[in-house]
Amino acid sequence: MNRPKLFLDLLQSLKINDLSGWSVVVAVEPSDCSSEIISICESTLTEIEYRLIVNDHVLGVRGNPYALLNSVFDSGSALNIYLEEDLVVSPDVVEMSLWYEKNYQPQWLAMNLISGPCGSAGFVSNPAFPSILFESKVFNSLGFVVRAQEWASHIKKIWMGDGEPNNPNAAYWGSRWGWDWSIYAHVAASPELKILQPAFARANHLGENGVHVWPDLNRKLFGALRINDRVHGQFDLFDVDSMPHELRSHVYLLEELTNKHIQVENLQKMILDLSTNK
């Protein structure tokens, strides 16, 4: 809401993509930077269809994107690339998103632009494999692609969680840590659902100061992360077991991390239930 320079970097990286037929929708939170953010839209998104939503009051990091996605899908959008203002994206993000829509499979809830869970320093981004896409149980907030159908049938229903986010007394990572963790937990607990992932990242996170990030952490997670910087024109869906070992072993490790999260949450629920019954 108050980082216009990062927002400009995002729009400039997005503009390298072919945005023909796309509409850019920006939800602006009220702040001292609101007018500057609006001016950046007006000066940067020239010759691109765009729409501004200026909130009457601050909706926050959970409410603002929820309201935005509701708006775009209620307006008839079939496919959305969700981006936050402190990301930069690759020049083939749009092309990869259209591939996702054309080749959609029923088990896909969404497609991430970078593979790995939030809060982890182990993101998969291997420049040796720019065309490989694979399925995983891992989800993060760092850019994702979703169709209207999955928004309505799954994501919209779980986005807000079941308690106050960031409440230190709320142990459940899958429902009270944030909307991204709610989606991550939903996929992890649903055997039929997968998230599509690129082996070479299509987004990076530049915001060193924010609601859930600080400089040392951001540099550790993203400081040396490479992302795709060209249009390769090809995407290939691989089964994880058939991928090269250096990718396969990395993905297996992330799946193990997901299973650990589930085990911890189940234990926390069991302890809480015993305490309540007692």
Protein backbone atom coordinates (compact mmCIF):
# COMPACT_ATOMS: atom_id res chain seq x y z
CA MET A 1 0.00 0.00 0.00
CA ASN A 2 2.94 2.39 0.48
CA ARG A 3 5.81 1.15 -1.71
CA PRO A 4 5.33 2.95 -5.04
CA LYS A 5 8.86 2.25 -6.32
CA LEU A 6 8.35 -1.49 -5.97
CA PHE A 7 4.94 -1.20 -7.61
CA LEU A 8 6.53 0.59 -10.57
CA ASP A 9 9.13 -2.20 -10.88
CA LEU A 10 6.32 -4.75 -10.99
CA LEU A 11 4.39 -2.93 -13.71
CA GLN A 12 7.51 -2.45 -15.81
CA SER A 13 8.34 -6.15 -15.63
CA LEU A 14 4.73 -7.06 -16.42
CA LYS A 15 4.66 -4.76 -19.46
CA ILE A 16 7.41 -6.78 -21.14
CA ASN A 17 4.79 -9.50 -21.56
CA ASP A 18 2.27 -9.42 -24.41
CA LEU A 19 -0.82 -8.06 -22.63
CA SER A 20 -3.06 -8.06 -25.68
CA GLY A 21 -6.55 -9.07 -24.58
CA TRP A 22 -5.73 -8.69 -20.91
CA SER A 23 -6.98 -6.10 -18.44
CA VAL A 24 -4.86 -5.00 -15.48
CA VAL A 25 -6.89 -4.35 -12.34
CA VAL A 26 -5.20 -2.58 -9.41
CA ALA A 27 -6.68 -2.37 -5.92
CA VAL A 28 -5.31 0.74 -4.18
CA GLU A 29 -5.38 0.90 -0.39
CA PRO A 30 -5.72 4.36 1.19
CA SER A 31 -2.34 5.70 2.32
CA ASP A 32 -0.05 8.68 1.92
CA CYS A 33 1.12 7.06 -1.33
CA SER A 34 -2.29 6.45 -2.92
CA SER A 35 -2.12 9.37 -5.34
CA GLU A 36 1.42 8.42 -6.39
CA ILE A 37 0.37 4.82 -7.02
CA ILE A 38 -2.54 6.02 -9.15
CA SER A 39 -0.19 8.30 -11.09
CA ILE A 40 2.16 5.37 -11.72
CA CYS A 41 -0.74 3.42 -13.22
CA GLU A 42 -1.70 6.32 -15.45
CA SER A 43 1.85 6.89 -16.71
CA THR A 44 2.97 3.26 -16.98
CA LEU A 45 -0.07 1.41 -18.26
CA THR A 46 -0.38 3.49 -21.41
CA GLU A 47 -2.00 1.61 -24.30
CA ILE A 48 -2.98 -1.16 -21.85
CA GLU A 49 -6.53 -1.67 -20.63
CA TYR A 50 -6.61 -1.17 -16.88
CA ARG A 51 -9.02 -0.44 -14.06
CA LEU A 52 -8.42 1.09 -10.63
CA ILE A 53 -10.26 0.10 -7.47
CA VAL A 54 -9.62 2.64 -4.71
CA ASN A 55 -10.72 1.31 -1.34
CA ASP A 56 -12.67 3.52 1.04
CA HIS A 57 -10.74 2.10 3.98
CA VAL A 58 -7.77 -0.19 4.50
CA LEU A 59 -8.75 -3.82 3.91
CA GLY A 60 -5.33 -5.25 4.73
CA VAL A 61 -3.18 -8.04 3.36
CA ARG A 62 -5.98 -10.59 3.65
CA GLY A 63 -9.02 -8.49 2.78
CA ASN A 64 -7.69 -6.39 -0.10
CA PRO A 65 -6.69 -9.25 -2.44
CA TYR A 66 -9.89 -11.12 -1.53
CA ALA A 67 -12.02 -8.14 -2.53
CA LEU A 68 -9.94 -7.62 -5.67
CA LEU A 69 -10.24 -11.21 -6.88
CA ASN A 70 -13.96 -11.22 -6.10
CA SER A 71 -14.32 -8.11 -8.22
CA VAL A 72 -12.44 -9.40 -11.26
CA PHE A 73 -14.23 -12.75 -11.30
CA ASP A 74 -17.63 -11.16 -10.68
CA SER A 75 -16.85 -8.94 -13.68
CA GLY A 76 -16.49 -11.99 -15.91
CA SER A 77 -12.77 -12.79 -15.82
CA ALA A 78 -12.04 -16.39 -16.79
CA LEU A 79 -8.36 -16.39 -15.81
CA ASN A 80 -6.40 -14.22 -13.40
CA ILE A 81 -2.70 -13.72 -12.72
CA TYR A 82 -2.56 -12.56 -9.10
CA LEU A 83 0.45 -10.35 -8.31
CA GLU A 84 1.47 -8.30 -5.30
CA GLU A 85 3.24 -4.98 -5.59
CA ASP A 86 6.65 -6.14 -4.37
CA LEU A 87 7.19 -8.79 -7.06
CA VAL A 88 8.90 -8.70 -10.43
CA VAL A 89 7.86 -11.19 -13.09
CA SER A 90 9.36 -12.88 -16.13
CA PRO A 91 8.59 -11.88 -19.73
CA ASP A 92 6.71 -15.13 -20.37
CA VAL A 93 4.31 -15.04 -17.38
CA VAL A 94 1.34 -14.36 -19.64
CA GLU A 95 2.38 -17.05 -22.11
CA MET A 96 2.77 -19.59 -19.30
CA SER A 97 -0.64 -18.61 -17.90
CA LEU A 98 -2.31 -19.16 -21.26
CA TRP A 99 -0.61 -22.56 -21.48
CA TYR A 100 -2.08 -23.37 -18.08
CA GLU A 101 -5.57 -22.45 -19.24
CA LYS A 102 -5.26 -24.37 -22.53
CA ASN A 103 -3.84 -27.51 -20.92
CA TYR A 104 -5.82 -27.38 -17.68
CA GLN A 105 -6.31 -30.65 -15.80
CA PRO A 106 -9.01 -31.25 -13.15
CA GLN A 107 -6.54 -31.75 -10.29
CA TRP A 108 -4.98 -28.30 -10.72
CA LEU A 109 -6.21 -25.76 -8.20
CA ALA A 110 -3.82 -23.05 -9.41
CA MET A 111 -0.35 -22.45 -10.83
CA ASN A 112 2.40 -20.78 -8.82
CA LEU A 113 5.02 -18.53 -10.43
CA ILE A 114 7.69 -19.82 -8.05
CA SER A 115 7.88 -23.26 -6.46
CA GLY A 116 8.21 -23.53 -2.70
CA PRO A 117 6.24 -22.59 0.43
CA CYS A 118 6.18 -19.14 1.99
CA GLY A 119 8.78 -18.74 4.71
CA SER A 120 11.18 -21.23 3.15
CA ALA A 121 14.61 -20.48 1.72
CA GLY A 122 14.42 -23.59 -0.47
CA PHE A 123 12.60 -22.28 -3.54
CA VAL A 124 13.03 -24.32 -6.73
CA SER A 125 14.51 -22.17 -9.49
CA ASN A 126 16.90 -23.99 -11.81
CA PRO A 127 17.86 -22.12 -15.02
CA ALA A 128 18.90 -25.40 -16.64
CA PHE A 129 15.23 -26.37 -16.96
CA PRO A 130 13.28 -23.31 -18.20
CA SER A 131 10.49 -25.28 -19.89
CA ILE A 132 9.68 -27.84 -17.16
CA LEU A 133 6.41 -27.61 -15.25
CA PHE A 134 5.41 -30.10 -12.56
CA GLU A 135 2.69 -30.81 -10.02
CA SER A 136 3.20 -30.34 -6.29
CA LYS A 137 1.24 -30.05 -3.05
CA VAL A 138 3.00 -26.75 -2.21
CA PHE A 139 1.43 -23.29 -2.56
CA ASN A 140 2.67 -19.76 -1.89
CA SER A 141 1.44 -16.19 -2.34
CA LEU A 142 4.29 -15.02 -4.59
CA GLY A 143 2.22 -14.83 -7.74
CA PHE A 144 -0.30 -17.41 -8.89
CA VAL A 145 -2.65 -18.13 -11.77
CA VAL A 146 -6.22 -19.25 -11.12
CA ARG A 147 -9.34 -19.85 -13.19
CA ALA A 148 -12.78 -18.56 -12.21
CA GLN A 149 -14.00 -22.11 -11.56
CA GLU A 150 -11.39 -22.92 -8.90
CA TRP A 151 -11.75 -19.51 -7.30
CA ALA A 152 -15.48 -20.10 -6.80
CA SER A 153 -15.37 -23.78 -5.87
CA HIS A 154 -12.34 -23.79 -3.54
CA ILE A 155 -10.23 -20.71 -2.91
CA LYS A 156 -12.94 -18.15 -2.21
CA LYS A 157 -14.43 -20.39 0.48
CA ILE A 158 -11.22 -20.84 2.47
CA TRP A 159 -9.42 -17.52 1.90
CA MET A 160 -10.47 -15.83 5.14
CA GLY A 161 -9.63 -18.79 7.37
CA ASP A 162 -11.49 -19.46 10.61
CA GLY A 163 -9.87 -17.08 13.07
CA GLU A 164 -7.89 -13.93 13.52
CA PRO A 165 -4.66 -13.97 11.47
CA ASN A 166 -1.41 -13.53 13.41
CA ASN A 167 -3.07 -14.38 16.70
CA PRO A 168 -0.26 -15.98 18.76
CA ASN A 169 -2.83 -18.12 20.54
CA ALA A 170 -4.14 -19.54 17.25
CA ALA A 171 -1.94 -22.51 16.53
CA TYR A 172 -3.42 -23.73 13.26
CA TRP A 173 -1.08 -22.84 10.41
CA GLY A 174 -3.70 -23.99 7.91
CA SER A 175 -6.42 -21.53 8.82
CA ARG A 176 -5.04 -18.63 10.88
CA TRP A 177 -1.62 -17.70 9.53
CA GLY A 178 -2.84 -16.00 6.37
CA TRP A 179 -4.80 -16.64 3.19
CA ASP A 180 -1.81 -18.23 1.45
CA TRP A 181 -1.38 -20.75 4.27
CA SER A 182 -5.12 -21.50 4.14
CA ILE A 183 -4.78 -22.44 0.47
CA TYR A 184 -1.56 -24.37 1.11
CA ALA A 185 -3.24 -26.40 3.88
CA HIS A 186 -6.31 -27.02 1.73
CA VAL A 187 -4.19 -28.49 -1.05
CA ALA A 188 -2.09 -30.50 1.40
CA ALA A 189 -5.21 -32.02 2.95
CA SER A 190 -6.98 -32.73 -0.37
CA PRO A 191 -5.54 -35.81 -2.13
CA GLU A 192 -7.16 -34.84 -5.42
CA LEU A 193 -5.64 -31.33 -5.64
CA LYS A 194 -2.27 -30.20 -7.00
CA ILE A 195 -0.54 -26.89 -7.73
CA LEU A 196 1.33 -26.56 -11.02
CA GLN A 197 4.87 -25.19 -10.63
CA PRO A 198 7.73 -24.00 -12.87
CA ALA A 199 11.17 -25.55 -12.39
CA PHE A 200 12.65 -22.13 -13.22
CA ALA A 201 10.93 -19.33 -11.28
CA ARG A 202 8.81 -16.72 -13.05
CA ALA A 203 8.71 -14.25 -10.14
CA ASN A 204 10.93 -12.84 -7.44
CA HIS A 205 10.15 -10.92 -4.26
CA LEU A 206 11.84 -7.52 -3.82
CA GLY A 207 10.02 -6.03 -0.84
CA GLU A 208 12.38 -6.04 2.13
CA ASN A 209 9.98 -4.27 4.48
CA GLY A 210 6.35 -5.25 4.80
CA VAL A 211 3.70 -6.84 6.99
CA HIS A 212 5.30 -10.29 6.93
CA VAL A 213 8.89 -9.62 5.84
CA TRP A 214 12.04 -7.83 6.93
CA PRO A 215 15.40 -7.18 5.21
CA ASP A 216 17.53 -10.03 6.59
CA LEU A 217 14.84 -12.60 5.87
CA ASN A 218 14.12 -11.31 2.38
CA ARG A 219 17.80 -11.32 1.41
CA LYS A 220 18.14 -14.87 2.70
CA LEU A 221 15.12 -16.11 0.76
CA PHE A 222 15.32 -14.09 -2.45
CA GLY A 223 18.59 -12.16 -2.63
CA ALA A 224 20.34 -14.55 -5.03
CA LEU A 225 17.27 -16.14 -6.59
CA ARG A 226 17.40 -16.23 -10.40
CA ILE A 227 14.24 -16.04 -12.47
CA ASN A 228 13.61 -16.59 -16.15
CA ASP A 229 14.49 -13.51 -18.22
CA ARG A 230 13.46 -14.52 -21.74
CA VAL A 231 10.61 -16.00 -23.75
CA HIS A 232 11.38 -19.65 -24.44
CA GLY A 233 8.13 -20.40 -26.21
CA GLN A 234 7.78 -23.91 -24.81
CA PHE A 235 6.41 -25.57 -21.68
CA ASP A 236 6.62 -29.27 -20.88
CA LEU A 237 4.68 -31.03 -18.13
CA PHE A 238 6.86 -33.56 -16.30
CA ASP A 239 5.98 -36.20 -13.76
CA VAL A 240 8.14 -35.51 -10.69
CA ASP A 241 9.53 -39.06 -10.69
CA SER A 242 10.81 -38.60 -14.24
CA MET A 243 12.50 -35.24 -13.68
CA PRO A 244 16.30 -34.90 -13.44
CA HIS A 245 17.62 -35.86 -10.02
CA GLU A 246 18.62 -32.33 -8.97
CA LEU A 247 15.02 -31.23 -9.45
CA ARG A 248 13.35 -34.39 -8.24
CA SER A 249 15.20 -34.49 -4.92
CA HIS A 250 14.45 -30.80 -4.27
CA VAL A 251 10.73 -31.29 -4.88
CA TYR A 252 10.66 -34.38 -2.67
CA LEU A 253 12.17 -32.31 0.14
CA LEU A 254 9.45 -29.68 -0.18
CA GLU A 255 6.80 -32.41 -0.09
CA GLU A 256 8.37 -33.73 3.10
CA LEU A 257 8.13 -30.24 4.58
CA THR A 258 4.44 -30.13 3.68
CA ASN A 259 3.85 -33.46 5.42
CA LYS A 260 5.65 -32.16 8.53
CA HIS A 261 3.33 -29.14 8.62
CA ILE A 262 0.31 -31.42 8.51
CA GLN A 263 1.68 -33.61 11.29
CA VAL A 264 2.37 -30.59 13.50
CA GLU A 265 -1.08 -29.14 12.90
CA ASN A 266 -2.77 -32.45 13.71
CA LEU A 267 -0.77 -32.65 16.94
CA GLN A 268 -1.71 -29.09 17.87
CA LYS A 269 -5.38 -29.84 17.28
CA MET A 270 -5.14 -32.99 19.40
CA ILE A 271 -3.53 -31.08 22.27
CA LEU A 272 -6.15 -28.34 22.04
CA ASP A 273 -8.99 -30.88 21.99
CA LEU A 274 -7.57 -32.66 25.05
CA SER A 275 -7.17 -29.34 26.85
CA THR A 276 -10.74 -28.31 25.99
CA ASN A 277 -12.21 -31.64 27.09
CA LYS A 278 -10.23 -31.50 30.27
